[in-house]
């Protein structure tokens, strides 16, 4: 059973998507369409921008989405998912690839999401931290004991959890987690506290945009971050997508559930190999690979 998985923020790199643009006329058209939808030439930043240019949330999120979705579309008949899933932002890429959202609607929502998250980040000092080497329940208990907002945000793989919240609360939690035996508790260079209650203003803003967008039934089950279960009902998909901004990304649980349901091959569609690494840490026995555009057109 083939699972196709789509990366989230952090997978970007300078020059991303240029090979797709140069090797496929269809990809070229989609990139140009994206420039038009967004109202600025994102391709210039993707193909020639510095790492710093690509780090802006309003650029990062649509850039990764475009790389993933255009690659998925370029695979043509090779793209035969039995199930799909995406990590955070990657869930939008997965929904377009599965036919739930159109390319245009998906890109618009991703851009609105990025801008809304950016705004929410500016309201109060907030951050995220990676915690290595502790069981999930210990991290959860320590976060719950800290004054202020700090919660488990990304369950990436066993022994690797990201926490998120108010800067002071995250810093206090990091100290307590190290005392509890964490191998590392490291503040991440991110714009704010994604997947935490700090994103509530962004969630409200995005909820309106999602409610006003047409969602179709997906071509295959989508394992969503919020529930870590297979979802095929478009209204349920909408509700989970709205909750996603303030709820944790249950990636470990999503991959475990896909495997329990029969997934044996995981193909990462988009920049980088981060998700393949996480899948292997969750279960060494499954096969992982990157999606590659094999055919070229002139």
C-alpha atoms as a PDB file:
ATOM      1  CA  UNK A   1       0.000   0.000   0.000  1.00  0.00           C
ATOM      2  CA  UNK A   2       1.464   3.339  -1.092  1.00  0.00           C
ATOM      3  CA  UNK A   3       1.435   6.383   1.190  1.00  0.00           C
ATOM      4  CA  UNK A   4       2.442   9.754  -0.249  1.00  0.00           C
ATOM      5  CA  UNK A   5       3.624  12.271   2.336  1.00  0.00           C
ATOM      6  CA  UNK A   6       4.126  16.025   2.021  1.00  0.00           C
ATOM      7  CA  UNK A   7       6.644  18.108   4.027  1.00  0.00           C
ATOM      8  CA  UNK A   8       6.003  21.273   6.023  1.00  0.00           C
ATOM      9  CA  UNK A   9       7.905  24.427   6.923  1.00  0.00           C
ATOM     10  CA  UNK A  10      11.659  23.972   7.299  1.00  0.00           C
ATOM     11  CA  UNK A  11      12.149  21.872   4.133  1.00  0.00           C
ATOM     12  CA  UNK A  12      12.841  24.918   1.917  1.00  0.00           C
ATOM     13  CA  UNK A  13      16.173  25.491   0.154  1.00  0.00           C
ATOM     14  CA  UNK A  14      17.556  28.044  -2.275  1.00  0.00           C
ATOM     15  CA  UNK A  15      16.904  26.999  -5.881  1.00  0.00           C
ATOM     16  CA  UNK A  16      13.915  24.820  -4.961  1.00  0.00           C
ATOM     17  CA  UNK A  17      11.633  23.965  -7.888  1.00  0.00           C
ATOM     18  CA  UNK A  18      13.992  25.231 -10.587  1.00  0.00           C
ATOM     19  CA  UNK A  19      14.548  21.707 -11.957  1.00  0.00           C
ATOM     20  CA  UNK A  20      10.780  21.233 -12.268  1.00  0.00           C
ATOM     21  CA  UNK A  21      10.428  24.580 -14.041  1.00  0.00           C
ATOM     22  CA  UNK A  22      13.212  23.807 -16.500  1.00  0.00           C
ATOM     23  CA  UNK A  23      12.143  20.242 -17.284  1.00  0.00           C
ATOM     24  CA  UNK A  24       8.379  20.488 -17.634  1.00  0.00           C
ATOM     25  CA  UNK A  25       6.156  22.818 -19.622  1.00  0.00           C
ATOM     26  CA  UNK A  26       3.205  21.954 -17.348  1.00  0.00           C
ATOM     27  CA  UNK A  27       5.255  22.850 -14.282  1.00  0.00           C
ATOM     28  CA  UNK A  28       6.265  26.147 -15.899  1.00  0.00           C
ATOM     29  CA  UNK A  29       2.612  27.022 -16.488  1.00  0.00           C
ATOM     30  CA  UNK A  30       1.690  26.220 -12.882  1.00  0.00           C
ATOM     31  CA  UNK A  31       4.554  28.301 -11.479  1.00  0.00           C
ATOM     32  CA  UNK A  32       3.537  31.252 -13.666  1.00  0.00           C
ATOM     33  CA  UNK A  33      -0.078  30.782 -12.571  1.00  0.00           C
ATOM     34  CA  UNK A  34       1.125  30.877  -8.949  1.00  0.00           C
ATOM     35  CA  UNK A  35       2.952  34.176  -9.543  1.00  0.00           C
ATOM     36  CA  UNK A  36      -0.282  35.594 -10.911  1.00  0.00           C
ATOM     37  CA  UNK A  37      -2.468  34.256  -8.035  1.00  0.00           C
ATOM     38  CA  UNK A  38      -0.074  35.553  -5.350  1.00  0.00           C
ATOM     39  CA  UNK A  39       0.539  38.899  -7.048  1.00  0.00           C
ATOM     40  CA  UNK A  40       4.332  38.681  -6.732  1.00  0.00           C
ATOM     41  CA  UNK A  41       7.001  36.581  -8.487  1.00  0.00           C
ATOM     42  CA  UNK A  42       7.526  33.842  -5.903  1.00  0.00           C
ATOM     43  CA  UNK A  43       9.516  31.889  -8.515  1.00  0.00           C
ATOM     44  CA  UNK A  44      12.281  34.538  -8.367  1.00  0.00           C
ATOM     45  CA  UNK A  45      12.631  33.978  -4.612  1.00  0.00           C
ATOM     46  CA  UNK A  46      12.408  30.177  -4.900  1.00  0.00           C
ATOM     47  CA  UNK A  47      14.926  29.882  -7.733  1.00  0.00           C
ATOM     48  CA  UNK A  48      17.355  32.703  -6.868  1.00  0.00           C
ATOM     49  CA  UNK A  49      16.578  33.930  -3.344  1.00  0.00           C
ATOM     50  CA  UNK A  50      18.837  33.454  -0.340  1.00  0.00           C
ATOM     51  CA  UNK A  51      18.016  31.198   2.613  1.00  0.00           C
ATOM     52  CA  UNK A  52      17.081  34.408   4.464  1.00  0.00           C
ATOM     53  CA  UNK A  53      14.618  35.420   1.713  1.00  0.00           C
ATOM     54  CA  UNK A  54      13.014  31.975   1.846  1.00  0.00           C
ATOM     55  CA  UNK A  55      12.705  32.037   5.639  1.00  0.00           C
ATOM     56  CA  UNK A  56       9.854  34.589   5.668  1.00  0.00           C
ATOM     57  CA  UNK A  57       6.679  32.663   6.555  1.00  0.00           C
ATOM     58  CA  UNK A  58       4.712  34.367   3.750  1.00  0.00           C
ATOM     59  CA  UNK A  59       7.266  32.977   1.264  1.00  0.00           C
ATOM     60  CA  UNK A  60       8.207  29.673   2.907  1.00  0.00           C
ATOM     61  CA  UNK A  61       4.729  28.204   3.099  1.00  0.00           C
ATOM     62  CA  UNK A  62       3.586  28.868  -0.500  1.00  0.00           C
ATOM     63  CA  UNK A  63       7.068  27.904  -1.792  1.00  0.00           C
ATOM     64  CA  UNK A  64       7.007  24.463  -0.159  1.00  0.00           C
ATOM     65  CA  UNK A  65       3.378  23.964  -1.174  1.00  0.00           C
ATOM     66  CA  UNK A  66       4.195  24.808  -4.810  1.00  0.00           C
ATOM     67  CA  UNK A  67       7.219  22.519  -4.942  1.00  0.00           C
ATOM     68  CA  UNK A  68       5.188  19.603  -3.529  1.00  0.00           C
ATOM     69  CA  UNK A  69       2.000  20.069  -5.531  1.00  0.00           C
ATOM     70  CA  UNK A  70       3.693  20.769  -8.872  1.00  0.00           C
ATOM     71  CA  UNK A  71       5.935  17.730  -8.368  1.00  0.00           C
ATOM     72  CA  UNK A  72       2.892  15.552  -7.538  1.00  0.00           C
ATOM     73  CA  UNK A  73       1.086  16.784 -10.666  1.00  0.00           C
ATOM     74  CA  UNK A  74       4.234  16.175 -12.737  1.00  0.00           C
ATOM     75  CA  UNK A  75       4.346  12.515 -11.671  1.00  0.00           C
ATOM     76  CA  UNK A  76       1.255  11.896 -13.822  1.00  0.00           C
ATOM     77  CA  UNK A  77       0.363   8.184 -13.896  1.00  0.00           C
ATOM     78  CA  UNK A  78       3.157   7.351 -11.453  1.00  0.00           C
ATOM     79  CA  UNK A  79       1.190   9.181  -8.747  1.00  0.00           C
ATOM     80  CA  UNK A  80      -1.075   6.466  -7.375  1.00  0.00           C
ATOM     81  CA  UNK A  81      -1.600   7.053  -3.663  1.00  0.00           C
ATOM     82  CA  UNK A  82      -3.613   4.657  -1.538  1.00  0.00           C
ATOM     83  CA  UNK A  83      -3.367   7.199   1.293  1.00  0.00           C
ATOM     84  CA  UNK A  84      -1.859  10.689   1.741  1.00  0.00           C
ATOM     85  CA  UNK A  85      -0.728  12.822   4.670  1.00  0.00           C
ATOM     86  CA  UNK A  86       1.130  16.092   5.151  1.00  0.00           C
ATOM     87  CA  UNK A  87       3.077  17.554   8.050  1.00  0.00           C
ATOM     88  CA  UNK A  88       1.412  20.820   9.150  1.00  0.00           C
ATOM     89  CA  UNK A  89       1.511  23.004   6.013  1.00  0.00           C
ATOM     90  CA  UNK A  90       2.024  19.782   4.023  1.00  0.00           C
ATOM     91  CA  UNK A  91      -1.571  18.790   4.756  1.00  0.00           C
ATOM     92  CA  UNK A  92      -2.694  21.455   2.249  1.00  0.00           C
ATOM     93  CA  UNK A  93      -0.360  19.977  -0.398  1.00  0.00           C
ATOM     94  CA  UNK A  94      -1.785  16.511   0.361  1.00  0.00           C
ATOM     95  CA  UNK A  95      -5.357  17.788  -0.032  1.00  0.00           C
ATOM     96  CA  UNK A  96      -4.605  19.294  -3.461  1.00  0.00           C
ATOM     97  CA  UNK A  97      -2.799  16.118  -4.554  1.00  0.00           C
ATOM     98  CA  UNK A  98      -5.800  14.046  -3.409  1.00  0.00           C
ATOM     99  CA  UNK A  99      -8.241  16.227  -5.376  1.00  0.00           C
ATOM    100  CA  UNK A 100      -9.998  17.796  -2.362  1.00  0.00           C
ATOM    101  CA  UNK A 101      -8.792  21.320  -3.162  1.00  0.00           C
ATOM    102  CA  UNK A 102      -8.004  22.913  -6.517  1.00  0.00           C
ATOM    103  CA  UNK A 103      -4.486  24.208  -7.125  1.00  0.00           C
ATOM    104  CA  UNK A 104      -5.728  27.806  -7.000  1.00  0.00           C
ATOM    105  CA  UNK A 105      -7.808  27.404  -3.830  1.00  0.00           C
ATOM    106  CA  UNK A 106      -5.036  25.462  -2.092  1.00  0.00           C
ATOM    107  CA  UNK A 107      -2.452  28.146  -2.884  1.00  0.00           C
ATOM    108  CA  UNK A 108      -4.777  30.956  -1.774  1.00  0.00           C
ATOM    109  CA  UNK A 109      -5.480  29.215   1.551  1.00  0.00           C
ATOM    110  CA  UNK A 110      -1.784  28.527   2.157  1.00  0.00           C
ATOM    111  CA  UNK A 111      -0.931  32.179   1.525  1.00  0.00           C
ATOM    112  CA  UNK A 112      -3.758  33.387   3.788  1.00  0.00           C
ATOM    113  CA  UNK A 113      -2.593  30.910   6.441  1.00  0.00           C
ATOM    114  CA  UNK A 114       0.987  32.209   6.213  1.00  0.00           C
ATOM    115  CA  UNK A 115      -0.083  35.850   6.548  1.00  0.00           C
ATOM    116  CA  UNK A 116      -2.461  35.054   9.426  1.00  0.00           C
ATOM    117  CA  UNK A 117       0.244  33.112  11.269  1.00  0.00           C
ATOM    118  CA  UNK A 118       2.742  35.921  10.715  1.00  0.00           C
ATOM    119  CA  UNK A 119       0.273  38.420  12.224  1.00  0.00           C
ATOM    120  CA  UNK A 120      -0.408  36.152  15.214  1.00  0.00           C
ATOM    121  CA  UNK A 121       3.347  35.833  15.817  1.00  0.00           C
ATOM    122  CA  UNK A 122       3.656  39.604  16.094  1.00  0.00           C
ATOM    123  CA  UNK A 123       1.030  39.905  18.858  1.00  0.00           C
ATOM    124  CA  UNK A 124       3.175  38.437  21.663  1.00  0.00           C
ATOM    125  CA  UNK A 125       6.699  37.024  22.094  1.00  0.00           C
ATOM    126  CA  UNK A 126       6.404  33.316  21.374  1.00  0.00           C
ATOM    127  CA  UNK A 127       8.599  30.477  20.151  1.00  0.00           C
ATOM    128  CA  UNK A 128       9.088  26.710  19.781  1.00  0.00           C
ATOM    129  CA  UNK A 129      11.719  24.262  21.081  1.00  0.00           C
ATOM    130  CA  UNK A 130      12.813  20.763  20.070  1.00  0.00           C
ATOM    131  CA  UNK A 131      12.943  18.206  22.867  1.00  0.00           C
ATOM    132  CA  UNK A 132      14.967  15.019  22.335  1.00  0.00           C
ATOM    133  CA  UNK A 133      15.195  11.860  24.383  1.00  0.00           C
ATOM    134  CA  UNK A 134      12.101  11.999  26.610  1.00  0.00           C
ATOM    135  CA  UNK A 135       8.831  10.082  26.460  1.00  0.00           C
ATOM    136  CA  UNK A 136       5.853  12.106  25.202  1.00  0.00           C
ATOM    137  CA  UNK A 137       3.923  11.845  28.474  1.00  0.00           C
ATOM    138  CA  UNK A 138       6.845  13.273  30.481  1.00  0.00           C
ATOM    139  CA  UNK A 139       7.089  16.260  28.112  1.00  0.00           C
ATOM    140  CA  UNK A 140       3.311  16.780  28.322  1.00  0.00           C
ATOM    141  CA  UNK A 141       3.331  16.628  32.145  1.00  0.00           C
ATOM    142  CA  UNK A 142       6.205  19.100  32.452  1.00  0.00           C
ATOM    143  CA  UNK A 143       4.553  21.547  30.016  1.00  0.00           C
ATOM    144  CA  UNK A 144       1.335  21.312  32.056  1.00  0.00           C
ATOM    145  CA  UNK A 145       3.259  22.201  35.238  1.00  0.00           C
ATOM    146  CA  UNK A 146       4.743  25.443  33.846  1.00  0.00           C
ATOM    147  CA  UNK A 147       3.091  28.838  34.442  1.00  0.00           C
ATOM    148  CA  UNK A 148       2.097  30.414  31.115  1.00  0.00           C
ATOM    149  CA  UNK A 149       1.307  28.921  27.711  1.00  0.00           C
ATOM    150  CA  UNK A 150       3.498  25.996  26.630  1.00  0.00           C
ATOM    151  CA  UNK A 151       2.189  22.839  24.958  1.00  0.00           C
ATOM    152  CA  UNK A 152       3.332  19.829  22.930  1.00  0.00           C
ATOM    153  CA  UNK A 153       3.065  20.970  19.293  1.00  0.00           C
ATOM    154  CA  UNK A 154       4.722  18.423  16.977  1.00  0.00           C
ATOM    155  CA  UNK A 155       4.910  14.710  17.733  1.00  0.00           C
ATOM    156  CA  UNK A 156       7.582  14.054  15.080  1.00  0.00           C
ATOM    157  CA  UNK A 157       8.817  10.579  16.028  1.00  0.00           C
ATOM    158  CA  UNK A 158       9.382   8.676  19.285  1.00  0.00           C
ATOM    159  CA  UNK A 159      11.789  10.705  21.427  1.00  0.00           C
ATOM    160  CA  UNK A 160      11.457  13.823  19.293  1.00  0.00           C
ATOM    161  CA  UNK A 161       8.787  16.316  20.262  1.00  0.00           C
ATOM    162  CA  UNK A 162       8.492  20.052  19.614  1.00  0.00           C
ATOM    163  CA  UNK A 163       6.929  22.299  22.253  1.00  0.00           C
ATOM    164  CA  UNK A 164       5.370  25.681  21.556  1.00  0.00           C
ATOM    165  CA  UNK A 165       4.098  28.725  23.450  1.00  0.00           C
ATOM    166  CA  UNK A 166       5.025  31.990  25.175  1.00  0.00           C
ATOM    167  CA  UNK A 167       8.796  32.579  25.022  1.00  0.00           C
ATOM    168  CA  UNK A 168       9.238  32.759  28.802  1.00  0.00           C
ATOM    169  CA  UNK A 169       7.156  29.601  29.374  1.00  0.00           C
ATOM    170  CA  UNK A 170       9.036  27.665  26.658  1.00  0.00           C
ATOM    171  CA  UNK A 171      12.379  28.713  28.196  1.00  0.00           C
ATOM    172  CA  UNK A 172      11.234  27.569  31.662  1.00  0.00           C
ATOM    173  CA  UNK A 173       9.963  24.289  30.213  1.00  0.00           C
ATOM    174  CA  UNK A 174      13.329  23.689  28.489  1.00  0.00           C
ATOM    175  CA  UNK A 175      15.156  24.012  31.813  1.00  0.00           C
ATOM    176  CA  UNK A 176      12.723  21.642  33.531  1.00  0.00           C
ATOM    177  CA  UNK A 177      12.925  19.145  30.640  1.00  0.00           C
ATOM    178  CA  UNK A 178      16.743  19.090  30.794  1.00  0.00           C
ATOM    179  CA  UNK A 179      16.538  18.460  34.542  1.00  0.00           C
ATOM    180  CA  UNK A 180      14.150  15.579  33.804  1.00  0.00           C
ATOM    181  CA  UNK A 181      16.763  13.995  31.543  1.00  0.00           C
ATOM    182  CA  UNK A 182      16.087  15.375  28.061  1.00  0.00           C
ATOM    183  CA  UNK A 183      19.089  14.850  25.782  1.00  0.00           C
ATOM    184  CA  UNK A 184      18.374  18.256  24.296  1.00  0.00           C
ATOM    185  CA  UNK A 185      15.794  21.023  24.770  1.00  0.00           C
ATOM    186  CA  UNK A 186      16.679  23.585  22.157  1.00  0.00           C
ATOM    187  CA  UNK A 187      14.880  26.818  21.180  1.00  0.00           C
ATOM    188  CA  UNK A 188      14.191  26.784  17.412  1.00  0.00           C
ATOM    189  CA  UNK A 189      14.745  29.722  15.032  1.00  0.00           C
ATOM    190  CA  UNK A 190      11.050  30.133  14.178  1.00  0.00           C
ATOM    191  CA  UNK A 191       8.784  33.175  13.948  1.00  0.00           C
ATOM    192  CA  UNK A 192       6.387  32.133  16.688  1.00  0.00           C
ATOM    193  CA  UNK A 193       4.410  29.483  18.552  1.00  0.00           C
ATOM    194  CA  UNK A 194       2.816  27.413  15.781  1.00  0.00           C
ATOM    195  CA  UNK A 195       0.295  24.707  16.772  1.00  0.00           C
ATOM    196  CA  UNK A 196      -0.400  26.284  20.151  1.00  0.00           C
ATOM    197  CA  UNK A 197      -3.156  28.471  21.675  1.00  0.00           C
ATOM    198  CA  UNK A 198      -1.036  31.484  20.613  1.00  0.00           C
ATOM    199  CA  UNK A 199      -2.295  30.862  17.049  1.00  0.00           C
ATOM    200  CA  UNK A 200      -5.961  31.417  17.975  1.00  0.00           C
ATOM    201  CA  UNK A 201      -6.205  34.768  16.075  1.00  0.00           C
ATOM    202  CA  UNK A 202      -4.810  33.045  12.962  1.00  0.00           C
ATOM    203  CA  UNK A 203      -7.206  30.111  13.389  1.00  0.00           C
ATOM    204  CA  UNK A 204     -10.207  32.463  13.464  1.00  0.00           C
ATOM    205  CA  UNK A 205      -9.005  34.279  10.358  1.00  0.00           C
ATOM    206  CA  UNK A 206      -8.279  31.079   8.438  1.00  0.00           C
ATOM    207  CA  UNK A 207     -11.570  29.478   9.541  1.00  0.00           C
ATOM    208  CA  UNK A 208     -13.510  32.067   7.530  1.00  0.00           C
ATOM    209  CA  UNK A 209     -11.396  31.466   4.422  1.00  0.00           C
ATOM    210  CA  UNK A 210     -11.733  27.668   4.733  1.00  0.00           C
ATOM    211  CA  UNK A 211     -15.502  27.857   5.288  1.00  0.00           C
ATOM    212  CA  UNK A 212     -15.801  29.897   2.077  1.00  0.00           C
ATOM    213  CA  UNK A 213     -13.744  27.439  -0.019  1.00  0.00           C
ATOM    214  CA  UNK A 214     -15.180  24.459  -1.920  1.00  0.00           C
ATOM    215  CA  UNK A 215     -13.809  21.114  -0.687  1.00  0.00           C
ATOM    216  CA  UNK A 216     -14.428  17.920  -2.696  1.00  0.00           C
ATOM    217  CA  UNK A 217     -14.313  14.308  -1.561  1.00  0.00           C
ATOM    218  CA  UNK A 218     -10.658  13.142  -1.721  1.00  0.00           C
ATOM    219  CA  UNK A 219      -9.590  10.431  -4.169  1.00  0.00           C
ATOM    220  CA  UNK A 220      -8.100   8.477  -1.237  1.00  0.00           C
ATOM    221  CA  UNK A 221      -8.103   8.714   2.569  1.00  0.00           C
ATOM    222  CA  UNK A 222      -6.229  11.682   4.079  1.00  0.00           C
ATOM    223  CA  UNK A 223      -4.560  11.117   7.462  1.00  0.00           C
ATOM    224  CA  UNK A 224      -4.961  14.464   9.170  1.00  0.00           C
ATOM    225  CA  UNK A 225      -2.618  16.004  11.754  1.00  0.00           C
ATOM    226  CA  UNK A 226      -5.339  16.717  14.297  1.00  0.00           C
ATOM    227  CA  UNK A 227      -6.871  13.220  14.488  1.00  0.00           C
ATOM    228  CA  UNK A 228      -4.066  10.978  13.103  1.00  0.00           C
ATOM    229  CA  UNK A 229      -6.809   8.963  11.407  1.00  0.00           C
ATOM    230  CA  UNK A 230      -8.026   8.387   7.841  1.00  0.00           C
ATOM    231  CA  UNK A 231     -10.604  10.985   6.812  1.00  0.00           C
ATOM    232  CA  UNK A 232     -12.658  11.024   3.599  1.00  0.00           C
ATOM    233  CA  UNK A 233     -15.575  13.308   4.510  1.00  0.00           C
ATOM    234  CA  UNK A 234     -14.964  16.811   3.156  1.00  0.00           C
ATOM    235  CA  UNK A 235     -16.761  18.554   6.048  1.00  0.00           C
ATOM    236  CA  UNK A 236     -14.664  16.662   8.567  1.00  0.00           C
ATOM    237  CA  UNK A 237     -11.534  17.563   6.578  1.00  0.00           C
ATOM    238  CA  UNK A 238     -12.505  21.252   6.768  1.00  0.00           C
ATOM    239  CA  UNK A 239     -13.097  21.138  10.526  1.00  0.00           C
ATOM    240  CA  UNK A 240      -9.767  19.379  11.151  1.00  0.00           C
ATOM    241  CA  UNK A 241      -7.915  21.842   8.926  1.00  0.00           C
ATOM    242  CA  UNK A 242      -9.331  24.757  10.939  1.00  0.00           C
ATOM    243  CA  UNK A 243      -8.348  23.093  14.250  1.00  0.00           C
ATOM    244  CA  UNK A 244      -4.858  22.355  12.940  1.00  0.00           C
ATOM    245  CA  UNK A 245      -3.384  25.796  13.677  1.00  0.00           C
ATOM    246  CA  UNK A 246      -3.901  25.558  17.439  1.00  0.00           C
ATOM    247  CA  UNK A 247      -3.729  21.740  17.810  1.00  0.00           C
ATOM    248  CA  UNK A 248      -0.631  19.528  17.814  1.00  0.00           C
ATOM    249  CA  UNK A 249       0.687  17.809  14.681  1.00  0.00           C
ATOM    250  CA  UNK A 250       0.325  14.115  15.506  1.00  0.00           C
ATOM    251  CA  UNK A 251       2.848  12.894  12.920  1.00  0.00           C
ATOM    252  CA  UNK A 252       4.111   9.883  14.899  1.00  0.00           C
ATOM    253  CA  UNK A 253       0.544   8.705  15.468  1.00  0.00           C
ATOM    254  CA  UNK A 254      -0.450   9.377  11.812  1.00  0.00           C
ATOM    255  CA  UNK A 255       2.414   7.268  10.445  1.00  0.00           C
ATOM    256  CA  UNK A 256       1.761   4.489  12.985  1.00  0.00           C
ATOM    257  CA  UNK A 257      -1.911   4.461  11.972  1.00  0.00           C
ATOM    258  CA  UNK A 258      -1.096   4.382   8.239  1.00  0.00           C
ATOM    259  CA  UNK A 259       1.207   1.408   8.840  1.00  0.00           C
ATOM    260  CA  UNK A 260      -1.433  -0.323  10.985  1.00  0.00           C
ATOM    261  CA  UNK A 261      -3.900   0.206   8.127  1.00  0.00           C
ATOM    262  CA  UNK A 262      -1.522  -1.435   5.632  1.00  0.00           C
ATOM    263  CA  UNK A 263       0.887   1.239   4.314  1.00  0.00           C
ATOM    264  CA  UNK A 264       4.247  -0.334   3.384  1.00  0.00           C
ATOM    265  CA  UNK A 265       5.810   2.265   1.033  1.00  0.00           C
ATOM    266  CA  UNK A 266       6.178   5.958   1.866  1.00  0.00           C
ATOM    267  CA  UNK A 267       7.026   8.449  -0.888  1.00  0.00           C
ATOM    268  CA  UNK A 268       7.933  12.001   0.143  1.00  0.00           C
ATOM    269  CA  UNK A 269       6.695  14.587  -2.358  1.00  0.00           C
ATOM    270  CA  UNK A 270       8.430  17.947  -2.069  1.00  0.00           C
ATOM    271  CA  UNK A 271      11.728  19.465  -0.966  1.00  0.00           C
ATOM    272  CA  UNK A 272      14.084  17.548   1.323  1.00  0.00           C
ATOM    273  CA  UNK A 273      13.957  14.179   3.067  1.00  0.00           C
ATOM    274  CA  UNK A 274      12.906  15.185   6.585  1.00  0.00           C
ATOM    275  CA  UNK A 275       9.730  13.095   6.625  1.00  0.00           C
ATOM    276  CA  UNK A 276      11.505   9.984   5.329  1.00  0.00           C
ATOM    277  CA  UNK A 277      13.891  10.249   8.270  1.00  0.00           C
ATOM    278  CA  UNK A 278      10.989  10.548  10.712  1.00  0.00           C
ATOM    279  CA  UNK A 279       9.109   7.609   9.147  1.00  0.00           C
ATOM    280  CA  UNK A 280      12.221   5.401   9.487  1.00  0.00           C
ATOM    281  CA  UNK A 281      12.525   6.381  13.161  1.00  0.00           C
ATOM    282  CA  UNK A 282       8.869   5.440  13.667  1.00  0.00           C
ATOM    283  CA  UNK A 283       9.209   2.081  11.846  1.00  0.00           C
ATOM    284  CA  UNK A 284      12.470   0.845  10.287  1.00  0.00           C
ATOM    285  CA  UNK A 285      10.728  -1.889   8.270  1.00  0.00           C
ATOM    286  CA  UNK A 286       8.816   0.333   5.832  1.00  0.00           C
ATOM    287  CA  UNK A 287      10.300   1.533   2.549  1.00  0.00           C
ATOM    288  CA  UNK A 288      10.831   5.256   1.963  1.00  0.00           C
ATOM    289  CA  UNK A 289      11.865   7.259  -1.098  1.00  0.00           C
ATOM    290  CA  UNK A 290      11.664  10.719  -2.679  1.00  0.00           C
ATOM    291  CA  UNK A 291       9.303  11.426  -5.563  1.00  0.00           C
ATOM    292  CA  UNK A 292      11.332  12.204  -8.680  1.00  0.00           C
ATOM    293  CA  UNK A 293      10.138  13.693 -11.936  1.00  0.00           C
ATOM    294  CA  UNK A 294      11.464  11.071 -14.353  1.00  0.00           C
ATOM    295  CA  UNK A 295      10.169  12.271 -17.681  1.00  0.00           C
ATOM    296  CA  UNK A 296      11.188  15.535 -19.287  1.00  0.00           C
ATOM    297  CA  UNK A 297       9.311  17.553 -21.836  1.00  0.00           C
ATOM    298  CA  UNK A 298      10.412  20.400 -24.083  1.00  0.00           C
END
